[in-house]
C-alpha atoms as a PDB file:
ATOM      1  CA  MET A   1      -0.002   0.001   0.002  1.00  0.00           C
ATOM      2  CA  SER A   2       1.281   3.428  -0.922  1.00  0.00           C
ATOM      3  CA  THR A   3       1.959   6.127   1.599  1.00  0.00           C
ATOM      4  CA  GLN A   4       2.971   8.771  -0.932  1.00  0.00           C
ATOM      5  CA  ALA A   5       1.141  12.076  -0.900  1.00  0.00           C
ATOM      6  CA  ASP A   6      -1.813  12.362  -3.263  1.00  0.00           C
ATOM      7  CA  HIS A   7      -1.543  15.518  -5.319  1.00  0.00           C
ATOM      8  CA  GLY A   8      -3.905  14.457  -8.080  1.00  0.00           C
ATOM      9  CA  HIS A   9      -7.481  15.216  -8.985  1.00  0.00           C
ATOM     10  CA  GLU A  10      -9.724  16.847  -6.372  1.00  0.00           C
ATOM     11  CA  LEU A  11     -13.507  16.701  -6.586  1.00  0.00           C
ATOM     12  CA  ILE A  12     -13.942  20.108  -4.938  1.00  0.00           C
ATOM     13  CA  PRO A  13     -11.582  22.765  -3.578  1.00  0.00           C
ATOM     14  CA  ARG A  14     -10.553  22.460   0.059  1.00  0.00           C
ATOM     15  CA  PRO A  15     -13.279  24.217   2.078  1.00  0.00           C
ATOM     16  CA  GLN A  16     -12.716  26.862   4.708  1.00  0.00           C
ATOM     17  CA  GLN A  17     -12.832  25.518   8.234  1.00  0.00           C
ATOM     18  CA  THR A  18     -16.217  26.943   9.152  1.00  0.00           C
ATOM     19  CA  PRO A  19     -19.367  24.935   9.910  1.00  0.00           C
ATOM     20  CA  ASP A  20     -21.201  26.280   6.844  1.00  0.00           C
ATOM     21  CA  SER A  21     -18.283  25.648   4.462  1.00  0.00           C
ATOM     22  CA  LEU A  22     -17.716  22.160   5.835  1.00  0.00           C
ATOM     23  CA  HIS A  23     -21.439  21.376   5.551  1.00  0.00           C
ATOM     24  CA  ALA A  24     -21.520  22.527   1.918  1.00  0.00           C
ATOM     25  CA  ALA A  25     -18.393  20.523   1.093  1.00  0.00           C
ATOM     26  CA  LEU A  26     -19.746  17.368   2.712  1.00  0.00           C
ATOM     27  CA  ALA A  27     -23.013  17.808   0.815  1.00  0.00           C
ATOM     28  CA  ALA A  28     -20.955  17.771  -2.386  1.00  0.00           C
ATOM     29  CA  VAL A  29     -18.633  14.821  -1.643  1.00  0.00           C
ATOM     30  CA  ASP A  30     -20.485  12.556   0.820  1.00  0.00           C
ATOM     31  CA  PRO A  31     -24.099  13.667   1.393  1.00  0.00           C
ATOM     32  CA  ALA A  32     -24.963  10.392   3.121  1.00  0.00           C
ATOM     33  CA  ARG A  33     -22.931  11.610   6.137  1.00  0.00           C
ATOM     34  CA  LEU A  34     -24.790  14.930   6.617  1.00  0.00           C
ATOM     35  CA  GLU A  35     -26.973  13.569   9.421  1.00  0.00           C
ATOM     36  CA  GLU A  36     -23.882  12.202  11.196  1.00  0.00           C
ATOM     37  CA  MET A  37     -22.181  15.580  10.807  1.00  0.00           C
ATOM     38  CA  GLN A  38     -25.147  17.430  12.336  1.00  0.00           C
ATOM     39  CA  ALA A  39     -25.391  15.023  15.278  1.00  0.00           C
ATOM     40  CA  SER A  40     -21.690  15.355  16.041  1.00  0.00           C
ATOM     41  CA  LYS A  41     -21.928  19.146  15.693  1.00  0.00           C
ATOM     42  CA  ASP A  42     -24.813  19.271  18.171  1.00  0.00           C
ATOM     43  CA  ASP A  43     -22.785  17.118  20.574  1.00  0.00           C
ATOM     44  CA  ALA A  44     -19.665  19.298  20.180  1.00  0.00           C
ATOM     45  CA  PHE A  45     -21.587  22.508  20.857  1.00  0.00           C
ATOM     46  CA  ALA A  46     -23.334  20.978  23.880  1.00  0.00           C
ATOM     47  CA  LYS A  47     -19.969  19.891  25.296  1.00  0.00           C
ATOM     48  CA  ALA A  48     -18.506  23.344  24.607  1.00  0.00           C
ATOM     49  CA  VAL A  49     -21.238  24.914  26.719  1.00  0.00           C
ATOM     50  CA  GLU A  50     -20.969  22.278  29.452  1.00  0.00           C
ATOM     51  CA  TRP A  51     -17.169  22.444  29.619  1.00  0.00           C
ATOM     52  CA  GLN A  52     -17.035  26.214  29.011  1.00  0.00           C
ATOM     53  CA  SER A  53     -14.410  25.526  26.361  1.00  0.00           C
ATOM     54  CA  LEU A  54     -14.158  25.804  22.610  1.00  0.00           C
ATOM     55  CA  SER A  55     -12.018  22.669  22.338  1.00  0.00           C
ATOM     56  CA  PRO A  56     -14.958  20.356  21.441  1.00  0.00           C
ATOM     57  CA  VAL A  57     -15.925  22.705  18.598  1.00  0.00           C
ATOM     58  CA  GLN A  58     -12.322  22.963  17.411  1.00  0.00           C
ATOM     59  CA  SER A  59     -12.055  19.157  17.445  1.00  0.00           C
ATOM     60  CA  TRP A  60     -15.309  18.879  15.493  1.00  0.00           C
ATOM     61  CA  VAL A  61     -14.012  21.276  12.819  1.00  0.00           C
ATOM     62  CA  LEU A  62     -10.699  19.419  12.460  1.00  0.00           C
ATOM     63  CA  THR A  63     -12.342  15.991  12.355  1.00  0.00           C
ATOM     64  CA  TRP A  64     -14.752  16.987   9.606  1.00  0.00           C
ATOM     65  CA  ALA A  65     -12.125  18.962   7.686  1.00  0.00           C
ATOM     66  CA  ARG A  66      -9.970  15.802   7.738  1.00  0.00           C
ATOM     67  CA  ASP A  67     -12.818  13.529   6.633  1.00  0.00           C
ATOM     68  CA  ILE A  68     -13.795  15.919   3.833  1.00  0.00           C
ATOM     69  CA  GLU A  69     -10.145  16.131   2.763  1.00  0.00           C
ATOM     70  CA  ILE A  70     -10.174  12.358   2.296  1.00  0.00           C
ATOM     71  CA  ALA A  71     -13.526  12.340   0.502  1.00  0.00           C
ATOM     72  CA  ARG A  72     -12.622  15.176  -1.895  1.00  0.00           C
ATOM     73  CA  ARG A  73      -9.444  13.419  -3.100  1.00  0.00           C
ATOM     74  CA  PRO A  74     -10.375  10.201  -4.970  1.00  0.00           C
ATOM     75  CA  ARG A  75      -6.961   8.527  -4.661  1.00  0.00           C
ATOM     76  CA  LEU A  76      -6.757   9.274  -0.932  1.00  0.00           C
ATOM     77  CA  SER A  77     -10.338   8.090  -0.518  1.00  0.00           C
ATOM     78  CA  ALA A  78      -9.524   4.839  -2.336  1.00  0.00           C
ATOM     79  CA  ARG A  79      -6.504   4.256  -0.093  1.00  0.00           C
ATOM     80  CA  TYR A  80      -8.703   4.888   2.961  1.00  0.00           C
ATOM     81  CA  ALA A  81     -11.404   2.483   1.773  1.00  0.00           C
ATOM     82  CA  ARG A  82      -8.873  -0.251   0.915  1.00  0.00           C
ATOM     83  CA  ALA A  83      -7.144   0.064   4.270  1.00  0.00           C
ATOM     84  CA  LYS A  84     -10.410   0.133   6.211  1.00  0.00           C
ATOM     85  CA  GLY A  85     -11.618  -2.926   4.299  1.00  0.00           C
ATOM     86  CA  ASN A  86      -8.501  -4.888   5.268  1.00  0.00           C
ATOM     87  CA  LEU A  87      -8.461  -4.006   8.977  1.00  0.00           C
ATOM     88  CA  GLU A  88     -10.089  -7.311   9.939  1.00  0.00           C
ATOM     89  CA  HIS A  89      -8.339  -9.443   7.326  1.00  0.00           C
ATOM     90  CA  GLU A  90      -7.679 -13.041   8.396  1.00  0.00           C
ATOM     91  CA  ASP A  91      -3.982 -12.590   7.619  1.00  0.00           C
ATOM     92  CA  PRO A  92      -2.518 -10.615  10.551  1.00  0.00           C
ATOM     93  CA  ALA A  93       0.215  -9.121   8.357  1.00  0.00           C
ATOM     94  CA  ILE A  94      -2.375  -7.687   5.952  1.00  0.00           C
ATOM     95  CA  ALA A  95      -4.457  -6.354   8.841  1.00  0.00           C
ATOM     96  CA  GLN A  96      -1.384  -4.754  10.406  1.00  0.00           C
ATOM     97  CA  GLU A  97      -0.365  -3.145   7.109  1.00  0.00           C
ATOM     98  CA  ALA A  98      -3.945  -1.888   6.701  1.00  0.00           C
ATOM     99  CA  LEU A  99      -3.733  -0.244  10.122  1.00  0.00           C
ATOM    100  CA  ARG A 100      -0.457   1.442   9.152  1.00  0.00           C
ATOM    101  CA  GLU A 101      -1.940   2.621   5.855  1.00  0.00           C
ATOM    102  CA  LEU A 102      -5.100   3.906   7.545  1.00  0.00           C
ATOM    103  CA  SER A 103      -2.967   5.866   9.988  1.00  0.00           C
ATOM    104  CA  ALA A 104      -0.886   7.261   7.104  1.00  0.00           C
ATOM    105  CA  VAL A 105      -4.016   8.392   5.234  1.00  0.00           C
ATOM    106  CA  LEU A 106      -5.463  10.080   8.326  1.00  0.00           C
ATOM    107  CA  ASP A 107      -2.135  11.768   9.045  1.00  0.00           C
ATOM    108  CA  GLU A 108      -1.801  12.984   5.440  1.00  0.00           C
ATOM    109  CA  ALA A 109      -5.328  14.417   5.467  1.00  0.00           C
ATOM    110  CA  MET A 110      -4.834  16.123   8.842  1.00  0.00           C
ATOM    111  CA  LYS A 111      -1.530  17.621   7.720  1.00  0.00           C
ATOM    112  CA  ALA A 112      -3.219  18.997   4.592  1.00  0.00           C
ATOM    113  CA  VAL A 113      -6.034  20.694   6.507  1.00  0.00           C
ATOM    114  CA  ARG A 114      -3.615  22.206   9.010  1.00  0.00           C
ATOM    115  CA  GLU A 115      -1.506  23.895   6.277  1.00  0.00           C
END
């Protein structure tokens, strides 16, 4: 499995890290997850009020920016899907490599959104 950076085709431009921009981007690249996004947003805002801290909201933004980064880049998305599909492979070596690849994809996406 490749761990090289994916600088190829992008389905949409990288969105700004605001709730509205992230929502619009997710609607374009993975609309089936919109309900999940809203539920996690509601939870993050409730925790922010309870904890009197913006950290849950900041975590929500980064998590969704990362997931959208993966979804908007077809090659990165394919790597993610392949790795996730092999996590429970009967061959422990394949499962272990899938875990490494999944971690590499998540790291690459997070690095991209933090630029």
